[in-house]
Structures are given as C-alpha cells and as structure tokens.
Amino acid sequence: MANIKSQIKRNRQNVKRHDRNTTVRSALKTSTKKVHAAVGEGDAEAAVARQREAARALDKAASKGVLHKRTAARKKSRLAKAVNRTSAA
C-alpha cells in the first residue's frame, strides 16, 4: 500500500477508471455480438441497424480513451465487412 498521499489518490482514480472502462468494453462486446448474431441469422436490415449502433459505441469509446482510435476503426471495418457480406448474399 502506498504511503504517499498523491499515490493513494492516484490509486483511487485508477480503480474508478478501471471500473468505467470495463463497463464500456463489456457493452462493446455485447453490441458486437448482436451484430454477428444478426449476420448469422441472415437478417440484413437488423444487421445494418445493429452495426450502426456498434459503430457509434466504438467511436464513443475511442473518443473517451477506452480504445485506441485505430482499434476502433479496425473493429468498425470488420463489422462493416461482415454486414456487407450478408447484404450482398
């Protein structure tokens, strides 16, 4: 345990941020799974709608610093590719 007052505060801040980031990451995984589920069912309209929601969530996470912006871009690209395969088929 830290003895320095500033480090004690820093530890509290880190715990708060960790909890917040974990919540956001969990929500991202859920939204991504919903897109893949819609793609698996072959429901193109639902897949597009869910992909839009997931892309928005990824952008928000990147802007808040939970994800790196390139990571968010890569995930959005892969989701879009999966959705486009469904709508093309």
C-alpha atoms as a PDB file:
ATOM      1  CA  MET A   1       0.000   0.000   0.000  1.00  0.00           C
ATOM      2  CA  ALA A   2       1.261   3.452  -0.868  1.00  0.00           C
ATOM      3  CA  ASN A   3       2.283   5.839   1.902  1.00  0.00           C
ATOM      4  CA  ILE A   4       2.369   8.950  -0.273  1.00  0.00           C
ATOM      5  CA  LYS A   5      -0.853  10.960  -0.266  1.00  0.00           C
ATOM      6  CA  SER A   6      -0.815  11.677  -4.009  1.00  0.00           C
ATOM      7  CA  GLN A   7      -0.270   7.997  -4.825  1.00  0.00           C
ATOM      8  CA  ILE A   8      -3.189   6.980  -2.600  1.00  0.00           C
ATOM      9  CA  LYS A   9      -5.396   9.379  -4.564  1.00  0.00           C
ATOM     10  CA  ARG A  10      -3.969   8.093  -7.867  1.00  0.00           C
ATOM     11  CA  ASN A  11      -4.856   4.522  -6.840  1.00  0.00           C
ATOM     12  CA  ARG A  12      -8.448   5.563  -6.117  1.00  0.00           C
ATOM     13  CA  GLN A  13      -8.659   7.254  -9.517  1.00  0.00           C
ATOM     14  CA  ASN A  14      -7.249   4.177 -11.241  1.00  0.00           C
ATOM     15  CA  VAL A  15      -9.876   1.938  -9.654  1.00  0.00           C
ATOM     16  CA  LYS A  16     -12.673   4.267 -10.791  1.00  0.00           C
ATOM     17  CA  ARG A  17     -11.326   4.436 -14.330  1.00  0.00           C
ATOM     18  CA  HIS A  18     -10.794   0.685 -14.474  1.00  0.00           C
ATOM     19  CA  ASP A  19     -14.404   0.053 -13.490  1.00  0.00           C
ATOM     20  CA  ARG A  20     -15.701   2.588 -16.009  1.00  0.00           C
ATOM     21  CA  ASN A  21     -13.540   1.205 -18.821  1.00  0.00           C
ATOM     22  CA  THR A  22     -14.568  -2.366 -18.013  1.00  0.00           C
ATOM     23  CA  THR A  23     -18.233  -1.396 -18.295  1.00  0.00           C
ATOM     24  CA  VAL A  24     -17.681   0.278 -21.658  1.00  0.00           C
ATOM     25  CA  ARG A  25     -15.672  -2.670 -23.020  1.00  0.00           C
ATOM     26  CA  SER A  26     -18.361  -5.101 -21.913  1.00  0.00           C
ATOM     27  CA  ALA A  27     -21.033  -3.047 -23.680  1.00  0.00           C
ATOM     28  CA  LEU A  28     -18.891  -3.009 -26.835  1.00  0.00           C
ATOM     29  CA  LYS A  29     -18.583  -6.795 -26.779  1.00  0.00           C
ATOM     30  CA  THR A  30     -22.343  -7.122 -26.367  1.00  0.00           C
ATOM     31  CA  SER A  31     -23.092  -4.811 -29.287  1.00  0.00           C
ATOM     32  CA  THR A  32     -20.561  -6.643 -31.462  1.00  0.00           C
ATOM     33  CA  LYS A  33     -22.134  -9.985 -30.594  1.00  0.00           C
ATOM     34  CA  LYS A  34     -25.557  -8.624 -31.565  1.00  0.00           C
ATOM     35  CA  VAL A  35     -24.202  -7.660 -34.992  1.00  0.00           C
ATOM     36  CA  HIS A  36     -22.690 -11.106 -35.509  1.00  0.00           C
ATOM     37  CA  ALA A  37     -25.918 -12.757 -34.375  1.00  0.00           C
ATOM     38  CA  ALA A  38     -27.928 -10.752 -36.903  1.00  0.00           C
ATOM     39  CA  VAL A  39     -25.397 -11.623 -39.607  1.00  0.00           C
ATOM     40  CA  GLY A  40     -25.626 -15.295 -38.653  1.00  0.00           C
ATOM     41  CA  GLU A  41     -29.412 -15.233 -38.968  1.00  0.00           C
ATOM     42  CA  GLY A  42     -29.128 -13.561 -42.362  1.00  0.00           C
ATOM     43  CA  ASP A  43     -31.271 -10.597 -41.317  1.00  0.00           C
ATOM     44  CA  ALA A  44     -29.632  -7.818 -43.362  1.00  0.00           C
ATOM     45  CA  GLU A  45     -31.800  -4.956 -42.072  1.00  0.00           C
ATOM     46  CA  ALA A  46     -31.239  -5.829 -38.426  1.00  0.00           C
ATOM     47  CA  ALA A  47     -27.537  -6.332 -39.074  1.00  0.00           C
ATOM     48  CA  VAL A  48     -27.216  -2.860 -40.614  1.00  0.00           C
ATOM     49  CA  ALA A  49     -29.103  -1.253 -37.733  1.00  0.00           C
ATOM     50  CA  ARG A  50     -27.035  -3.036 -35.094  1.00  0.00           C
ATOM     51  CA  GLN A  51     -23.834  -2.279 -36.972  1.00  0.00           C
ATOM     52  CA  ARG A  52     -24.684   1.429 -36.901  1.00  0.00           C
ATOM     53  CA  GLU A  53     -25.218   1.264 -33.124  1.00  0.00           C
ATOM     54  CA  ALA A  54     -21.981  -0.667 -32.617  1.00  0.00           C
ATOM     55  CA  ALA A  55     -20.008   1.795 -34.753  1.00  0.00           C
ATOM     56  CA  ARG A  56     -21.362   4.687 -32.716  1.00  0.00           C
ATOM     57  CA  ALA A  57     -20.403   2.935 -29.470  1.00  0.00           C
ATOM     58  CA  LEU A  58     -16.909   2.225 -30.800  1.00  0.00           C
ATOM     59  CA  ASP A  59     -16.464   5.879 -31.762  1.00  0.00           C
ATOM     60  CA  LYS A  60     -17.576   6.982 -28.305  1.00  0.00           C
ATOM     61  CA  ALA A  61     -15.159   4.551 -26.645  1.00  0.00           C
ATOM     62  CA  ALA A  62     -12.316   5.811 -28.817  1.00  0.00           C
ATOM     63  CA  SER A  63     -13.109   9.444 -28.023  1.00  0.00           C
ATOM     64  CA  LYS A  64     -13.150   8.691 -24.286  1.00  0.00           C
ATOM     65  CA  GLY A  65      -9.810   6.883 -24.486  1.00  0.00           C
ATOM     66  CA  VAL A  66     -11.132   3.428 -23.645  1.00  0.00           C
ATOM     67  CA  LEU A  67      -9.944   2.161 -27.043  1.00  0.00           C
ATOM     68  CA  HIS A  68      -7.296   3.488 -29.382  1.00  0.00           C
ATOM     69  CA  LYS A  69      -8.797   5.192 -32.422  1.00  0.00           C
ATOM     70  CA  ARG A  70      -7.194   2.730 -34.836  1.00  0.00           C
ATOM     71  CA  THR A  71      -8.500  -0.211 -32.840  1.00  0.00           C
ATOM     72  CA  ALA A  72     -11.984   1.239 -33.069  1.00  0.00           C
ATOM     73  CA  ALA A  73     -11.543   1.828 -36.809  1.00  0.00           C
ATOM     74  CA  ARG A  74     -10.369  -1.766 -37.328  1.00  0.00           C
ATOM     75  CA  LYS A  75     -13.313  -3.197 -35.413  1.00  0.00           C
ATOM     76  CA  LYS A  76     -15.781  -0.974 -37.305  1.00  0.00           C
ATOM     77  CA  SER A  77     -14.251  -2.051 -40.601  1.00  0.00           C
ATOM     78  CA  ARG A  78     -14.554  -5.739 -39.763  1.00  0.00           C
ATOM     79  CA  LEU A  79     -18.168  -5.320 -38.677  1.00  0.00           C
ATOM     80  CA  ALA A  80     -18.979  -3.448 -41.876  1.00  0.00           C
ATOM     81  CA  LYS A  81     -17.315  -6.169 -43.935  1.00  0.00           C
ATOM     82  CA  ALA A  82     -19.399  -8.863 -42.219  1.00  0.00           C
ATOM     83  CA  VAL A  83     -22.619  -6.895 -42.713  1.00  0.00           C
ATOM     84  CA  ASN A  84     -21.814  -6.235 -46.369  1.00  0.00           C
ATOM     85  CA  ARG A  85     -21.257  -9.950 -46.985  1.00  0.00           C
ATOM     86  CA  THR A  86     -24.720 -10.612 -45.560  1.00  0.00           C
ATOM     87  CA  SER A  87     -26.469  -7.943 -47.606  1.00  0.00           C
ATOM     88  CA  ALA A  88     -24.645  -8.998 -50.800  1.00  0.00           C
ATOM     89  CA  ALA A  89     -25.677 -12.631 -50.372  1.00  0.00           C
END
